[in-house]
Amino acid sequence: MALLEVRGLHAQYGWTKVLHGVDFAVEEGGITTILGANGAGKTTTLRAVCGMVRTAGEIRFDGRSIAGRPTEDLVRAGIGHVPEGRGTFVNLTVEENLRLGAYGRGRRDGVADDFDTVYGYFPVLAARKRQLAGTLSGGEQQMLAVARALMLRPRLLLLDEPSLGLAPLVVREIFRIVRTINRERRVSVLLVEQNATIALALADHAFLMETGRMVRSGPAAELKQDEAIRRAYLGY
C-alpha cells in the first residue's frame, strides 16, 4: 500500500517550470529513491511534497489529499524533511536543535523517550548534546539533521542529498542508520541522491528523473543492472 502517491505533479518558481507531470509513489514501510543529475528537479520534488513551492497535480498522503496544504500541517501529519545542506540551527546546541524538532508534532508527550532513542542511533550526538551545532563536523551536522527530523516521530522521512560533501565512511554510517530506522520504526523514506550506487543499495524502488520528468522506474535491484544507468550513474 502506498503511503505517498503523487500524480501529474507540476511545480514552478515564478515563471520557471521545473516539474512536468511527475508520477511516483512511496510504499508504506518502504524506501524509495529518486536519482538524477544536478538540475533534474529532485530537490523541487521534495519541496513540492512539503508545500514549499507552487504546484499543480495530486499529492496524497495516507490516502488523503495534501496538495496545497501549509507546510506546518504536513509536519503535524508526520512528514519529516531533511533538506539539502542540513539546515541545522548553528547557534543552538545539539539538544536545543533536537527539542525544536519535537515542537512540530501534534503531541508533546514522550519527548524524553525520543531523546533516548535518537541518542541511541547517534551516540556521537549524545556526547555533544551541549555543544553548539555550528561547531560540529559536516557528518555530525548531517546526523543532527536526521535526528531532529526523527524527533517529529515521522511516518515519512524525506532526505535530500544526505551524502553531499561527506567522507565515504560517514556516508555509509548515515545510510546504515537510515536503514535501521526504516526497519525498526517502520519509517518510510523518500531519498533524493546523486550517489546512485549507495542509493540503489539502500532503496527498494527507484525512479530516474531527467529535466523534470520521470523517465524510468522499477525495483532498485533491477535498475542497478540497467546498462544505461550503469554507464551514466554507476561508473561502469
C-alpha atoms as a PDB file:
ATOM      1  CA  MET A   1       0.000   0.000   0.000  1.00  0.00           C
ATOM      2  CA  ALA A   2       1.307   3.438  -0.945  1.00  0.00           C
ATOM      3  CA  LEU A   3       1.794   5.923   1.894  1.00  0.00           C
ATOM      4  CA  LEU A   4       2.618   8.757  -0.528  1.00  0.00           C
ATOM      5  CA  GLU A   5       1.110   8.961  -4.027  1.00  0.00           C
ATOM      6  CA  VAL A   6       1.990  11.697  -6.497  1.00  0.00           C
ATOM      7  CA  ARG A   7       0.205  12.030  -9.839  1.00  0.00           C
ATOM      8  CA  GLY A   8       0.657  14.637 -12.571  1.00  0.00           C
ATOM      9  CA  LEU A   9       2.757  16.880 -10.352  1.00  0.00           C
ATOM     10  CA  HIS A  10       3.843  20.204 -11.827  1.00  0.00           C
ATOM     11  CA  ALA A  11       5.948  22.741  -9.933  1.00  0.00           C
ATOM     12  CA  GLN A  12       7.469  26.100 -10.714  1.00  0.00           C
ATOM     13  CA  TYR A  13       9.417  29.025  -9.299  1.00  0.00           C
ATOM     14  CA  GLY A  14       7.892  32.222 -10.618  1.00  0.00           C
ATOM     15  CA  TRP A  15       7.565  31.707 -14.378  1.00  0.00           C
ATOM     16  CA  THR A  16      10.102  28.885 -14.457  1.00  0.00           C
ATOM     17  CA  LYS A  17       8.522  25.436 -14.653  1.00  0.00           C
ATOM     18  CA  VAL A  18      10.631  22.697 -13.079  1.00  0.00           C
ATOM     19  CA  LEU A  19       8.397  19.622 -12.829  1.00  0.00           C
ATOM     20  CA  HIS A  20       6.308  18.483 -15.792  1.00  0.00           C
ATOM     21  CA  GLY A  21       3.693  15.937 -14.765  1.00  0.00           C
ATOM     22  CA  VAL A  22       5.660  13.751 -12.342  1.00  0.00           C
ATOM     23  CA  ASP A  23       4.222  10.445 -11.085  1.00  0.00           C
ATOM     24  CA  PHE A  24       5.688   8.341  -8.271  1.00  0.00           C
ATOM     25  CA  ALA A  25       4.808   6.619  -5.010  1.00  0.00           C
ATOM     26  CA  VAL A  26       6.388   5.576  -1.716  1.00  0.00           C
ATOM     27  CA  GLU A  27       5.151   2.328  -0.203  1.00  0.00           C
ATOM     28  CA  GLU A  28       4.246   2.125   3.475  1.00  0.00           C
ATOM     29  CA  GLY A  29       7.393   0.971   5.285  1.00  0.00           C
ATOM     30  CA  GLY A  30       9.492   1.143   2.121  1.00  0.00           C
ATOM     31  CA  ILE A  31      12.480   3.118   0.873  1.00  0.00           C
ATOM     32  CA  THR A  32      12.159   4.866  -2.486  1.00  0.00           C
ATOM     33  CA  THR A  33      14.935   6.813  -4.168  1.00  0.00           C
ATOM     34  CA  ILE A  34      14.822   9.435  -6.910  1.00  0.00           C
ATOM     35  CA  LEU A  35      18.018   9.571  -8.951  1.00  0.00           C
ATOM     36  CA  GLY A  36      19.123  12.205 -11.420  1.00  0.00           C
ATOM     37  CA  ALA A  37      21.745  14.746 -12.338  1.00  0.00           C
ATOM     38  CA  ASN A  38      22.001  18.254 -10.916  1.00  0.00           C
ATOM     39  CA  GLY A  39      19.068  20.353 -12.079  1.00  0.00           C
ATOM     40  CA  ALA A  40      16.829  17.380 -12.835  1.00  0.00           C
ATOM     41  CA  GLY A  41      14.191  18.564 -10.340  1.00  0.00           C
ATOM     42  CA  LYS A  42      14.839  16.187  -7.441  1.00  0.00           C
ATOM     43  CA  THR A  43      15.005  18.821  -4.690  1.00  0.00           C
ATOM     44  CA  THR A  44      11.975  20.598  -6.121  1.00  0.00           C
ATOM     45  CA  THR A  45      10.068  17.321  -5.905  1.00  0.00           C
ATOM     46  CA  LEU A  46      10.674  17.111  -2.167  1.00  0.00           C
ATOM     47  CA  ARG A  47       9.794  20.774  -1.717  1.00  0.00           C
ATOM     48  CA  ALA A  48       6.586  20.217  -3.656  1.00  0.00           C
ATOM     49  CA  VAL A  49       5.585  17.354  -1.360  1.00  0.00           C
ATOM     50  CA  CYS A  50       6.229  19.670   1.613  1.00  0.00           C
ATOM     51  CA  GLY A  51       4.158  22.515   0.185  1.00  0.00           C
ATOM     52  CA  MET A  52       7.173  24.788  -0.234  1.00  0.00           C
ATOM     53  CA  VAL A  53       6.738  25.617  -3.946  1.00  0.00           C
ATOM     54  CA  ARG A  54       3.850  26.430  -6.266  1.00  0.00           C
ATOM     55  CA  THR A  55       2.352  23.184  -7.549  1.00  0.00           C
ATOM     56  CA  ALA A  56      -0.447  21.635  -9.561  1.00  0.00           C
ATOM     57  CA  GLY A  57      -1.437  17.976  -9.578  1.00  0.00           C
ATOM     58  CA  GLU A  58      -2.350  15.393  -6.981  1.00  0.00           C
ATOM     59  CA  ILE A  59      -0.369  14.597  -3.812  1.00  0.00           C
ATOM     60  CA  ARG A  60      -1.915  12.062  -1.441  1.00  0.00           C
ATOM     61  CA  PHE A  61      -0.542  11.058   1.963  1.00  0.00           C
ATOM     62  CA  ASP A  62      -2.093   8.106   3.744  1.00  0.00           C
ATOM     63  CA  GLY A  63      -4.991   8.227   1.291  1.00  0.00           C
ATOM     64  CA  ARG A  64      -5.772  11.921   1.804  1.00  0.00           C
ATOM     65  CA  SER A  65      -5.031  14.825  -0.489  1.00  0.00           C
ATOM     66  CA  ILE A  66      -2.380  17.172   0.885  1.00  0.00           C
ATOM     67  CA  ALA A  67      -1.921  19.324  -2.222  1.00  0.00           C
ATOM     68  CA  GLY A  68      -1.931  22.991  -1.242  1.00  0.00           C
ATOM     69  CA  ARG A  69      -1.787  22.299   2.498  1.00  0.00           C
ATOM     70  CA  PRO A  70       0.516  24.543   4.584  1.00  0.00           C
ATOM     71  CA  THR A  71       3.912  23.064   5.401  1.00  0.00           C
ATOM     72  CA  GLU A  72       3.233  23.131   9.146  1.00  0.00           C
ATOM     73  CA  ASP A  73       0.124  20.954   8.621  1.00  0.00           C
ATOM     74  CA  LEU A  74       2.204  18.399   6.745  1.00  0.00           C
ATOM     75  CA  VAL A  75       4.756  18.323   9.562  1.00  0.00           C
ATOM     76  CA  ARG A  76       1.989  17.618  12.065  1.00  0.00           C
ATOM     77  CA  ALA A  77       0.670  14.899   9.733  1.00  0.00           C
ATOM     78  CA  GLY A  78       4.018  13.109  10.067  1.00  0.00           C
ATOM     79  CA  ILE A  79       6.197  14.208   7.137  1.00  0.00           C
ATOM     80  CA  GLY A  80       9.776  14.972   8.189  1.00  0.00           C
ATOM     81  CA  HIS A  81      12.091  16.805   5.780  1.00  0.00           C
ATOM     82  CA  VAL A  82      15.898  16.805   5.967  1.00  0.00           C
ATOM     83  CA  PRO A  83      16.865  19.481   3.414  1.00  0.00           C
ATOM     84  CA  GLU A  84      19.984  19.637   1.307  1.00  0.00           C
ATOM     85  CA  GLY A  85      22.645  21.473   3.287  1.00  0.00           C
ATOM     86  CA  ARG A  86      21.346  20.035   6.601  1.00  0.00           C
ATOM     87  CA  GLY A  87      19.600  23.194   7.819  1.00  0.00           C
ATOM     88  CA  THR A  88      20.779  22.941  11.419  1.00  0.00           C
ATOM     89  CA  PHE A  89      20.490  25.949  13.733  1.00  0.00           C
ATOM     90  CA  VAL A  90      24.195  26.609  14.169  1.00  0.00           C
ATOM     91  CA  ASN A  91      23.859  28.950  17.156  1.00  0.00           C
ATOM     92  CA  LEU A  92      21.826  26.453  19.169  1.00  0.00           C
ATOM     93  CA  THR A  93      23.143  23.379  20.940  1.00  0.00           C
ATOM     94  CA  VAL A  94      22.608  19.856  19.686  1.00  0.00           C
ATOM     95  CA  GLU A  95      19.938  19.292  22.330  1.00  0.00           C
ATOM     96  CA  GLU A  96      18.158  22.551  21.505  1.00  0.00           C
ATOM     97  CA  ASN A  97      18.083  21.560  17.817  1.00  0.00           C
ATOM     98  CA  LEU A  98      16.523  18.233  18.725  1.00  0.00           C
ATOM     99  CA  ARG A  99      13.954  19.839  21.009  1.00  0.00           C
ATOM    100  CA  LEU A 100      12.884  22.119  18.156  1.00  0.00           C
ATOM    101  CA  GLY A 101      12.293  19.005  16.056  1.00  0.00           C
ATOM    102  CA  ALA A 102       9.724  17.783  18.581  1.00  0.00           C
ATOM    103  CA  TYR A 103       7.770  21.058  18.589  1.00  0.00           C
ATOM    104  CA  GLY A 104       6.214  20.436  15.187  1.00  0.00           C
ATOM    105  CA  ARG A 105       4.356  17.273  16.098  1.00  0.00           C
ATOM    106  CA  GLY A 106       0.815  17.212  17.387  1.00  0.00           C
ATOM    107  CA  ARG A 107       1.575  15.677  20.807  1.00  0.00           C
ATOM    108  CA  ARG A 108       4.461  16.616  23.090  1.00  0.00           C
ATOM    109  CA  ASP A 109       4.400  13.588  25.393  1.00  0.00           C
ATOM    110  CA  GLY A 110       7.284  11.123  25.222  1.00  0.00           C
ATOM    111  CA  VAL A 111       9.944  13.677  24.278  1.00  0.00           C
ATOM    112  CA  ALA A 112      12.382  12.311  26.871  1.00  0.00           C
ATOM    113  CA  ASP A 113      11.999   8.828  25.398  1.00  0.00           C
ATOM    114  CA  ASP A 114      12.615  10.219  21.920  1.00  0.00           C
ATOM    115  CA  PHE A 115      15.859  11.830  23.092  1.00  0.00           C
ATOM    116  CA  ASP A 116      16.973   8.418  24.323  1.00  0.00           C
ATOM    117  CA  THR A 117      16.007   6.854  21.002  1.00  0.00           C
ATOM    118  CA  VAL A 118      17.874   9.299  18.766  1.00  0.00           C
ATOM    119  CA  TYR A 119      20.912   9.294  21.038  1.00  0.00           C
ATOM    120  CA  GLY A 120      20.869   5.513  20.710  1.00  0.00           C
ATOM    121  CA  TYR A 121      21.006   5.824  16.926  1.00  0.00           C
ATOM    122  CA  PHE A 122      23.559   8.654  17.037  1.00  0.00           C
ATOM    123  CA  PRO A 123      25.816   8.221  20.111  1.00  0.00           C
ATOM    124  CA  VAL A 124      28.121  10.992  18.906  1.00  0.00           C
ATOM    125  CA  LEU A 125      25.256  13.474  19.361  1.00  0.00           C
ATOM    126  CA  ALA A 126      24.753  12.341  22.950  1.00  0.00           C
ATOM    127  CA  ALA A 127      28.415  13.103  23.629  1.00  0.00           C
ATOM    128  CA  ARG A 128      27.992  16.564  22.096  1.00  0.00           C
ATOM    129  CA  LYS A 129      24.498  17.493  23.266  1.00  0.00           C
ATOM    130  CA  ARG A 130      25.692  20.691  24.996  1.00  0.00           C
ATOM    131  CA  GLN A 131      27.841  21.701  22.022  1.00  0.00           C
ATOM    132  CA  LEU A 132      26.785  24.368  19.512  1.00  0.00           C
ATOM    133  CA  ALA A 133      25.632  22.750  16.269  1.00  0.00           C
ATOM    134  CA  GLY A 134      27.844  25.089  14.263  1.00  0.00           C
ATOM    135  CA  THR A 135      30.967  23.564  15.830  1.00  0.00           C
ATOM    136  CA  LEU A 136      30.109  20.017  14.674  1.00  0.00           C
ATOM    137  CA  SER A 137      31.753  18.381  11.693  1.00  0.00           C
ATOM    138  CA  GLY A 138      29.792  18.106   8.439  1.00  0.00           C
ATOM    139  CA  GLY A 139      28.950  14.480   9.110  1.00  0.00           C
ATOM    140  CA  GLU A 140      27.816  15.230  12.648  1.00  0.00           C
ATOM    141  CA  GLN A 141      25.615  18.061  11.385  1.00  0.00           C
ATOM    142  CA  GLN A 142      24.017  15.682   8.886  1.00  0.00           C
ATOM    143  CA  MET A 143      23.379  13.194  11.689  1.00  0.00           C
ATOM    144  CA  LEU A 144      21.825  16.004  13.723  1.00  0.00           C
ATOM    145  CA  ALA A 145      19.553  16.962  10.840  1.00  0.00           C
ATOM    146  CA  VAL A 146      18.277  13.380  10.547  1.00  0.00           C
ATOM    147  CA  ALA A 147      17.914  13.061  14.328  1.00  0.00           C
ATOM    148  CA  ARG A 148      15.976  16.339  14.517  1.00  0.00           C
ATOM    149  CA  ALA A 149      13.533  15.047  11.897  1.00  0.00           C
ATOM    150  CA  LEU A 150      13.114  11.825  13.892  1.00  0.00           C
ATOM    151  CA  MET A 151      12.063  13.856  16.948  1.00  0.00           C
ATOM    152  CA  LEU A 152       8.923  14.608  14.951  1.00  0.00           C
ATOM    153  CA  ARG A 153       8.080  10.875  15.036  1.00  0.00           C
ATOM    154  CA  PRO A 154       7.553  10.955  11.260  1.00  0.00           C
ATOM    155  CA  ARG A 155       5.770   8.343   9.217  1.00  0.00           C
ATOM    156  CA  LEU A 156       7.591   9.571   6.105  1.00  0.00           C
ATOM    157  CA  LEU A 157      11.164  10.891   6.056  1.00  0.00           C
ATOM    158  CA  LEU A 158      12.305  12.997   3.091  1.00  0.00           C
ATOM    159  CA  LEU A 159      16.096  13.027   2.673  1.00  0.00           C
ATOM    160  CA  ASP A 160      17.686  15.478   0.245  1.00  0.00           C
ATOM    161  CA  GLU A 161      21.271  14.595  -0.774  1.00  0.00           C
ATOM    162  CA  PRO A 162      22.400  13.335   2.650  1.00  0.00           C
ATOM    163  CA  SER A 163      25.780  12.229   1.262  1.00  0.00           C
ATOM    164  CA  LEU A 164      26.694  15.647  -0.155  1.00  0.00           C
ATOM    165  CA  GLY A 165      30.212  16.717   0.816  1.00  0.00           C
ATOM    166  CA  LEU A 166      30.769  13.889   3.297  1.00  0.00           C
ATOM    167  CA  ALA A 167      33.531  11.294   3.526  1.00  0.00           C
ATOM    168  CA  PRO A 168      32.577   7.784   2.309  1.00  0.00           C
ATOM    169  CA  LEU A 169      32.854   6.251   5.793  1.00  0.00           C
ATOM    170  CA  VAL A 170      30.485   8.866   7.222  1.00  0.00           C
ATOM    171  CA  VAL A 171      28.056   8.360   4.351  1.00  0.00           C
ATOM    172  CA  ARG A 172      27.957   4.602   4.914  1.00  0.00           C
ATOM    173  CA  GLU A 173      27.271   5.117   8.617  1.00  0.00           C
ATOM    174  CA  ILE A 174      24.416   7.561   7.973  1.00  0.00           C
ATOM    175  CA  PHE A 175      22.824   5.242   5.432  1.00  0.00           C
ATOM    176  CA  ARG A 176      23.209   2.289   7.817  1.00  0.00           C
ATOM    177  CA  ILE A 177      21.302   4.250  10.462  1.00  0.00           C
ATOM    178  CA  VAL A 178      18.593   5.222   7.947  1.00  0.00           C
ATOM    179  CA  ARG A 179      18.103   1.549   7.082  1.00  0.00           C
ATOM    180  CA  THR A 180      17.902   0.689  10.793  1.00  0.00           C
ATOM    181  CA  ILE A 181      15.305   3.402  11.375  1.00  0.00           C
ATOM    182  CA  ASN A 182      13.284   2.102   8.443  1.00  0.00           C
ATOM    183  CA  ARG A 183      13.352  -1.484   9.710  1.00  0.00           C
ATOM    184  CA  GLU A 184      12.935  -0.881  13.432  1.00  0.00           C
ATOM    185  CA  ARG A 185      10.488   2.026  13.418  1.00  0.00           C
ATOM    186  CA  ARG A 186       8.828   1.381  10.047  1.00  0.00           C
ATOM    187  CA  VAL A 187       9.525   4.923   8.910  1.00  0.00           C
ATOM    188  CA  SER A 188       9.022   5.182   5.150  1.00  0.00           C
ATOM    189  CA  VAL A 189      11.803   7.015   3.311  1.00  0.00           C
ATOM    190  CA  LEU A 190      11.930   9.099   0.128  1.00  0.00           C
ATOM    191  CA  LEU A 191      15.572   9.649  -0.733  1.00  0.00           C
ATOM    192  CA  VAL A 192      16.912  12.123  -3.280  1.00  0.00           C
ATOM    193  CA  GLU A 193      20.526  11.304  -4.046  1.00  0.00           C
ATOM    194  CA  GLN A 194      23.243  11.771  -6.671  1.00  0.00           C
ATOM    195  CA  ASN A 195      25.292   8.859  -5.317  1.00  0.00           C
ATOM    196  CA  ALA A 196      23.365   6.232  -7.263  1.00  0.00           C
ATOM    197  CA  THR A 197      25.445   3.312  -6.022  1.00  0.00           C
ATOM    198  CA  ILE A 198      24.623   3.773  -2.360  1.00  0.00           C
ATOM    199  CA  ALA A 199      21.052   4.917  -3.051  1.00  0.00           C
ATOM    200  CA  LEU A 200      20.222   1.812  -5.079  1.00  0.00           C
ATOM    201  CA  ALA A 201      21.802  -0.392  -2.431  1.00  0.00           C
ATOM    202  CA  LEU A 202      19.517   1.156   0.211  1.00  0.00           C
ATOM    203  CA  ALA A 203      16.243   1.515  -1.669  1.00  0.00           C
ATOM    204  CA  ASP A 204      13.501  -0.948  -2.541  1.00  0.00           C
ATOM    205  CA  HIS A 205      12.237   1.067  -5.503  1.00  0.00           C
ATOM    206  CA  ALA A 206      13.863   3.705  -7.681  1.00  0.00           C
ATOM    207  CA  PHE A 207      12.833   6.433 -10.107  1.00  0.00           C
ATOM    208  CA  LEU A 208      15.123   8.151 -12.582  1.00  0.00           C
ATOM    209  CA  MET A 209      14.408  11.834 -13.194  1.00  0.00           C
ATOM    210  CA  GLU A 210      15.591  13.921 -16.143  1.00  0.00           C
ATOM    211  CA  THR A 211      14.646  17.570 -16.718  1.00  0.00           C
ATOM    212  CA  GLY A 212      11.576  17.468 -14.504  1.00  0.00           C
ATOM    213  CA  ARG A 213      10.182  14.155 -15.749  1.00  0.00           C
ATOM    214  CA  MET A 214      10.366  10.571 -14.524  1.00  0.00           C
ATOM    215  CA  VAL A 215      11.913   8.603 -17.374  1.00  0.00           C
ATOM    216  CA  ARG A 216      12.369   5.200 -15.739  1.00  0.00           C
ATOM    217  CA  SER A 217      11.282   3.337 -12.635  1.00  0.00           C
ATOM    218  CA  GLY A 218      11.366  -0.113 -11.117  1.00  0.00           C
ATOM    219  CA  PRO A 219      12.776  -2.213  -8.303  1.00  0.00           C
ATOM    220  CA  ALA A 220      16.138  -0.778  -7.236  1.00  0.00           C
ATOM    221  CA  ALA A 221      17.883  -4.097  -7.832  1.00  0.00           C
ATOM    222  CA  GLU A 222      16.666  -4.114 -11.453  1.00  0.00           C
ATOM    223  CA  LEU A 223      17.667  -0.531 -12.167  1.00  0.00           C
ATOM    224  CA  LYS A 224      21.098  -1.274 -10.723  1.00  0.00           C
ATOM    225  CA  GLN A 225      21.574  -3.780 -13.541  1.00  0.00           C
ATOM    226  CA  ASP A 226      20.227  -1.487 -16.278  1.00  0.00           C
ATOM    227  CA  GLU A 227      23.025  -0.872 -18.750  1.00  0.00           C
ATOM    228  CA  ALA A 228      22.183   2.796 -19.399  1.00  0.00           C
ATOM    229  CA  ILE A 229      22.021   3.579 -15.689  1.00  0.00           C
ATOM    230  CA  ARG A 230      25.236   1.646 -15.040  1.00  0.00           C
ATOM    231  CA  ARG A 231      27.052   3.756 -17.651  1.00  0.00           C
ATOM    232  CA  ALA A 232      25.543   7.124 -16.686  1.00  0.00           C
ATOM    233  CA  TYR A 233      25.315   6.875 -12.905  1.00  0.00           C
ATOM    234  CA  LEU A 234      27.319   3.921 -11.595  1.00  0.00           C
ATOM    235  CA  GLY A 235      30.610   4.500 -13.379  1.00  0.00           C
ATOM    236  CA  TYR A 236      30.623   1.272 -15.446  1.00  0.00           C
END
